[in-house]
Amino acid sequence: MKQEDIDIYELCLLADYFGVTTDFILGRTSIRSTPESSNIYEKIIIDNYSILKGLNDLELDEKAILSTILANCVNLVNLLKK
């Protein structure tokens, strides 16, 4: 099979059409689809546990700032999904 370049937009369209991840199409994983959106946050927490554990060392005001940033990111993702 001949390897050819594909536009990232076309790759995303193919992934959406077939209900699989772009990594699956590219042969980078055997996992066909992403977890449900409710599980995505759980996966992020699990994947980044050591980083999150280090947040305990932050001062209260730093935690508040970080919490606000994360909440804004989640809101932005939810807006982009609509």
N, C-alpha and C. Protein backbone atom coordinates (compact mmCIF):
# COMPACT_ATOMS: atom_id res chain seq x y z
N MET A 1 0.84 -1.18 0.00
CA MET A 1 0.00 0.00 0.00
C MET A 1 0.88 1.24 0.00
N LYS A 2 0.55 2.17 -0.86
CA LYS A 2 1.33 3.40 -0.98
C LYS A 2 0.95 4.38 0.12
N GLN A 3 1.97 4.92 0.78
CA GLN A 3 1.72 5.90 1.83
C GLN A 3 1.61 7.28 1.20
N GLU A 4 0.55 8.00 1.54
CA GLU A 4 0.35 9.35 1.01
C GLU A 4 0.02 10.29 2.14
N ASP A 5 0.29 11.57 1.91
CA ASP A 5 -0.06 12.59 2.89
C ASP A 5 -1.56 12.84 2.82
N ILE A 6 -2.15 13.10 3.97
CA ILE A 6 -3.57 13.43 4.04
C ILE A 6 -3.72 14.69 4.87
N ASP A 7 -4.61 15.55 4.43
CA ASP A 7 -4.89 16.77 5.15
C ASP A 7 -5.50 16.42 6.51
N ILE A 8 -5.13 17.14 7.56
CA ILE A 8 -5.62 16.84 8.90
C ILE A 8 -7.14 16.96 8.97
N TYR A 9 -7.71 17.92 8.25
CA TYR A 9 -9.16 18.07 8.23
C TYR A 9 -9.82 16.83 7.62
N GLU A 10 -9.26 16.32 6.53
CA GLU A 10 -9.80 15.11 5.91
C GLU A 10 -9.66 13.91 6.84
N LEU A 11 -8.55 13.83 7.55
CA LEU A 11 -8.35 12.74 8.51
C LEU A 11 -9.42 12.79 9.60
N CYS A 12 -9.70 13.97 10.11
CA CYS A 12 -10.74 14.12 11.13
C CYS A 12 -12.12 13.78 10.58
N LEU A 13 -12.39 14.17 9.35
CA LEU A 13 -13.67 13.82 8.73
C LEU A 13 -13.82 12.31 8.62
N LEU A 14 -12.76 11.63 8.21
CA LEU A 14 -12.81 10.16 8.11
C LEU A 14 -13.05 9.53 9.47
N ALA A 15 -12.35 10.02 10.47
CA ALA A 15 -12.50 9.48 11.82
C ALA A 15 -13.93 9.67 12.32
N ASP A 16 -14.48 10.86 12.10
CA ASP A 16 -15.86 11.12 12.52
C ASP A 16 -16.84 10.23 11.75
N TYR A 17 -16.63 10.09 10.46
CA TYR A 17 -17.53 9.29 9.64
C TYR A 17 -17.56 7.83 10.10
N PHE A 18 -16.39 7.27 10.38
CA PHE A 18 -16.31 5.86 10.76
C PHE A 18 -16.42 5.64 12.28
N GLY A 19 -16.49 6.73 13.04
CA GLY A 19 -16.63 6.61 14.49
C GLY A 19 -15.41 6.03 15.17
N VAL A 20 -14.24 6.39 14.66
CA VAL A 20 -12.98 5.90 15.24
C VAL A 20 -12.07 7.10 15.51
N THR A 21 -10.96 6.84 16.19
CA THR A 21 -10.01 7.92 16.45
C THR A 21 -9.08 8.09 15.26
N THR A 22 -8.47 9.25 15.18
CA THR A 22 -7.48 9.47 14.13
C THR A 22 -6.27 8.56 14.35
N ASP A 23 -5.93 8.31 15.61
CA ASP A 23 -4.82 7.40 15.90
C ASP A 23 -5.12 5.99 15.38
N PHE A 24 -6.37 5.56 15.45
CA PHE A 24 -6.74 4.24 14.94
C PHE A 24 -6.54 4.20 13.42
N ILE A 25 -6.99 5.24 12.73
CA ILE A 25 -6.82 5.31 11.28
C ILE A 25 -5.34 5.28 10.91
N LEU A 26 -4.53 5.97 11.69
CA LEU A 26 -3.09 6.03 11.39
C LEU A 26 -2.33 4.79 11.85
N GLY A 27 -3.04 3.86 12.51
CA GLY A 27 -2.39 2.64 12.96
C GLY A 27 -1.56 2.81 14.22
N ARG A 28 -1.83 3.86 14.99
CA ARG A 28 -1.04 4.13 16.19
C ARG A 28 -1.63 3.48 17.43
N THR A 29 -2.86 2.96 17.32
CA THR A 29 -3.51 2.30 18.45
C THR A 29 -4.49 1.27 17.92
N SER A 30 -4.80 0.30 18.76
CA SER A 30 -5.81 -0.69 18.38
C SER A 30 -7.18 -0.31 18.94
N ILE A 31 -7.24 0.76 19.70
CA ILE A 31 -8.50 1.24 20.27
C ILE A 31 -9.24 2.01 19.19
N ARG A 32 -10.43 1.51 18.85
CA ARG A 32 -11.18 2.08 17.73
C ARG A 32 -11.80 3.45 18.03
N SER A 33 -12.28 3.65 19.24
CA SER A 33 -12.97 4.90 19.52
C SER A 33 -12.56 5.45 20.87
N THR A 34 -12.88 6.71 21.06
CA THR A 34 -12.55 7.36 22.32
C THR A 34 -13.59 6.99 23.36
N PRO A 35 -13.23 7.09 24.64
CA PRO A 35 -14.22 6.82 25.68
C PRO A 35 -15.33 7.86 25.64
N GLU A 36 -16.45 7.54 26.25
CA GLU A 36 -17.55 8.51 26.33
C GLU A 36 -17.05 9.76 27.02
N SER A 37 -17.68 10.89 26.75
CA SER A 37 -17.19 12.16 27.27
C SER A 37 -17.10 12.16 28.80
N SER A 38 -18.00 11.45 29.48
CA SER A 38 -17.91 11.42 30.94
C SER A 38 -16.66 10.69 31.41
N ASN A 39 -16.17 9.77 30.59
CA ASN A 39 -14.96 9.02 30.94
C ASN A 39 -13.69 9.75 30.52
N ILE A 40 -13.81 10.75 29.66
CA ILE A 40 -12.63 11.47 29.20
C ILE A 40 -11.95 12.17 30.37
N TYR A 41 -12.76 12.82 31.23
CA TYR A 41 -12.18 13.52 32.38
C TYR A 41 -11.52 12.53 33.33
N GLU A 42 -12.14 11.38 33.52
CA GLU A 42 -11.55 10.34 34.37
C GLU A 42 -10.21 9.88 33.79
N LYS A 43 -10.14 9.69 32.47
CA LYS A 43 -8.90 9.27 31.83
C LYS A 43 -7.81 10.33 32.00
N ILE A 44 -8.19 11.60 31.87
CA ILE A 44 -7.22 12.69 32.04
C ILE A 44 -6.66 12.66 33.47
N ILE A 45 -7.53 12.48 34.43
CA ILE A 45 -7.09 12.44 35.83
C ILE A 45 -6.15 11.26 36.06
N ILE A 46 -6.51 10.09 35.55
CA ILE A 46 -5.67 8.91 35.73
C ILE A 46 -4.31 9.10 35.06
N ASP A 47 -4.34 9.62 33.82
CA ASP A 47 -3.09 9.81 33.07
C ASP A 47 -2.18 10.84 33.71
N ASN A 48 -2.76 11.77 34.44
CA ASN A 48 -1.97 12.87 35.01
C ASN A 48 -1.97 12.86 36.54
N TYR A 49 -2.15 11.69 37.13
CA TYR A 49 -2.27 11.59 38.59
C TYR A 49 -1.06 12.18 39.31
N SER A 50 0.13 11.89 38.84
CA SER A 50 1.32 12.38 39.54
C SER A 50 1.39 13.91 39.51
N ILE A 51 0.96 14.50 38.42
CA ILE A 51 0.94 15.97 38.34
C ILE A 51 -0.11 16.52 39.29
N LEU A 52 -1.30 15.89 39.27
CA LEU A 52 -2.38 16.35 40.13
C LEU A 52 -2.02 16.21 41.60
N LYS A 53 -1.30 15.14 41.93
CA LYS A 53 -0.89 14.92 43.31
C LYS A 53 0.01 16.06 43.80
N GLY A 54 0.82 16.59 42.91
CA GLY A 54 1.71 17.70 43.25
C GLY A 54 0.97 19.01 43.51
N LEU A 55 -0.30 19.08 43.12
CA LEU A 55 -1.07 20.30 43.34
C LEU A 55 -1.32 20.57 44.82
N ASN A 56 -1.17 19.54 45.64
CA ASN A 56 -1.34 19.72 47.08
C ASN A 56 -0.34 20.71 47.65
N ASP A 57 0.79 20.89 46.97
CA ASP A 57 1.83 21.79 47.45
C ASP A 57 1.54 23.26 47.14
N LEU A 58 0.50 23.51 46.34
CA LEU A 58 0.19 24.89 45.96
C LEU A 58 -0.48 25.63 47.13
N GLU A 59 -0.29 26.93 47.14
CA GLU A 59 -0.98 27.78 48.10
C GLU A 59 -2.45 27.86 47.72
N LEU A 60 -3.29 28.23 48.66
CA LEU A 60 -4.73 28.27 48.45
C LEU A 60 -5.11 29.19 47.29
N ASP A 61 -4.48 30.36 47.19
CA ASP A 61 -4.82 31.28 46.10
C ASP A 61 -4.36 30.72 44.75
N GLU A 62 -3.26 29.99 44.74
CA GLU A 62 -2.80 29.36 43.49
C GLU A 62 -3.78 28.26 43.06
N LYS A 63 -4.29 27.51 44.03
CA LYS A 63 -5.28 26.48 43.73
C LYS A 63 -6.55 27.10 43.16
N ALA A 64 -6.96 28.24 43.71
CA ALA A 64 -8.16 28.92 43.23
C ALA A 64 -7.97 29.40 41.79
N ILE A 65 -6.81 29.94 41.48
CA ILE A 65 -6.51 30.40 40.12
C ILE A 65 -6.53 29.22 39.16
N LEU A 66 -5.87 28.14 39.54
CA LEU A 66 -5.81 26.95 38.69
C LEU A 66 -7.20 26.36 38.48
N SER A 67 -7.99 26.34 39.52
CA SER A 67 -9.36 25.83 39.43
C SER A 67 -10.18 26.65 38.44
N THR A 68 -10.02 27.96 38.48
CA THR A 68 -10.73 28.85 37.55
C THR A 68 -10.29 28.59 36.11
N ILE A 69 -9.00 28.43 35.91
CA ILE A 69 -8.48 28.16 34.57
C ILE A 69 -9.04 26.85 34.04
N LEU A 70 -9.02 25.81 34.86
CA LEU A 70 -9.53 24.51 34.43
C LEU A 70 -11.03 24.57 34.13
N ALA A 71 -11.78 25.27 34.96
CA ALA A 71 -13.22 25.42 34.73
C ALA A 71 -13.48 26.13 33.41
N ASN A 72 -12.70 27.17 33.12
CA ASN A 72 -12.85 27.89 31.86
C ASN A 72 -12.51 27.00 30.66
N CYS A 73 -11.51 26.16 30.80
CA CYS A 73 -11.15 25.22 29.74
C CYS A 73 -12.28 24.23 29.47
N VAL A 74 -12.85 23.69 30.53
CA VAL A 74 -13.96 22.75 30.39
C VAL A 74 -15.14 23.44 29.72
N ASN A 75 -15.45 24.67 30.14
CA ASN A 75 -16.54 25.41 29.51
C ASN A 75 -16.28 25.66 28.03
N LEU A 76 -15.05 25.98 27.68
CA LEU A 76 -14.69 26.22 26.29
C LEU A 76 -14.87 24.93 25.47
N VAL A 77 -14.42 23.82 26.00
CA VAL A 77 -14.57 22.54 25.30
C VAL A 77 -16.05 22.24 25.09
N ASN A 78 -16.86 22.45 26.11
CA ASN A 78 -18.30 22.20 26.00
C ASN A 78 -18.95 23.12 24.96
N LEU A 79 -18.52 24.36 24.91
CA LEU A 79 -19.05 25.31 23.90
C LEU A 79 -18.66 24.87 22.50
N LEU A 80 -17.44 24.40 22.33
CA LEU A 80 -16.97 23.98 21.01
C LEU A 80 -17.67 22.72 20.54
N LYS A 81 -18.16 21.91 21.45
CA LYS A 81 -18.87 20.68 21.10
C LYS A 81 -20.25 20.97 20.52
N LYS A 82 -20.81 22.13 20.84
CA LYS A 82 -22.18 22.47 20.41
C LYS A 82 -22.23 22.89 18.98
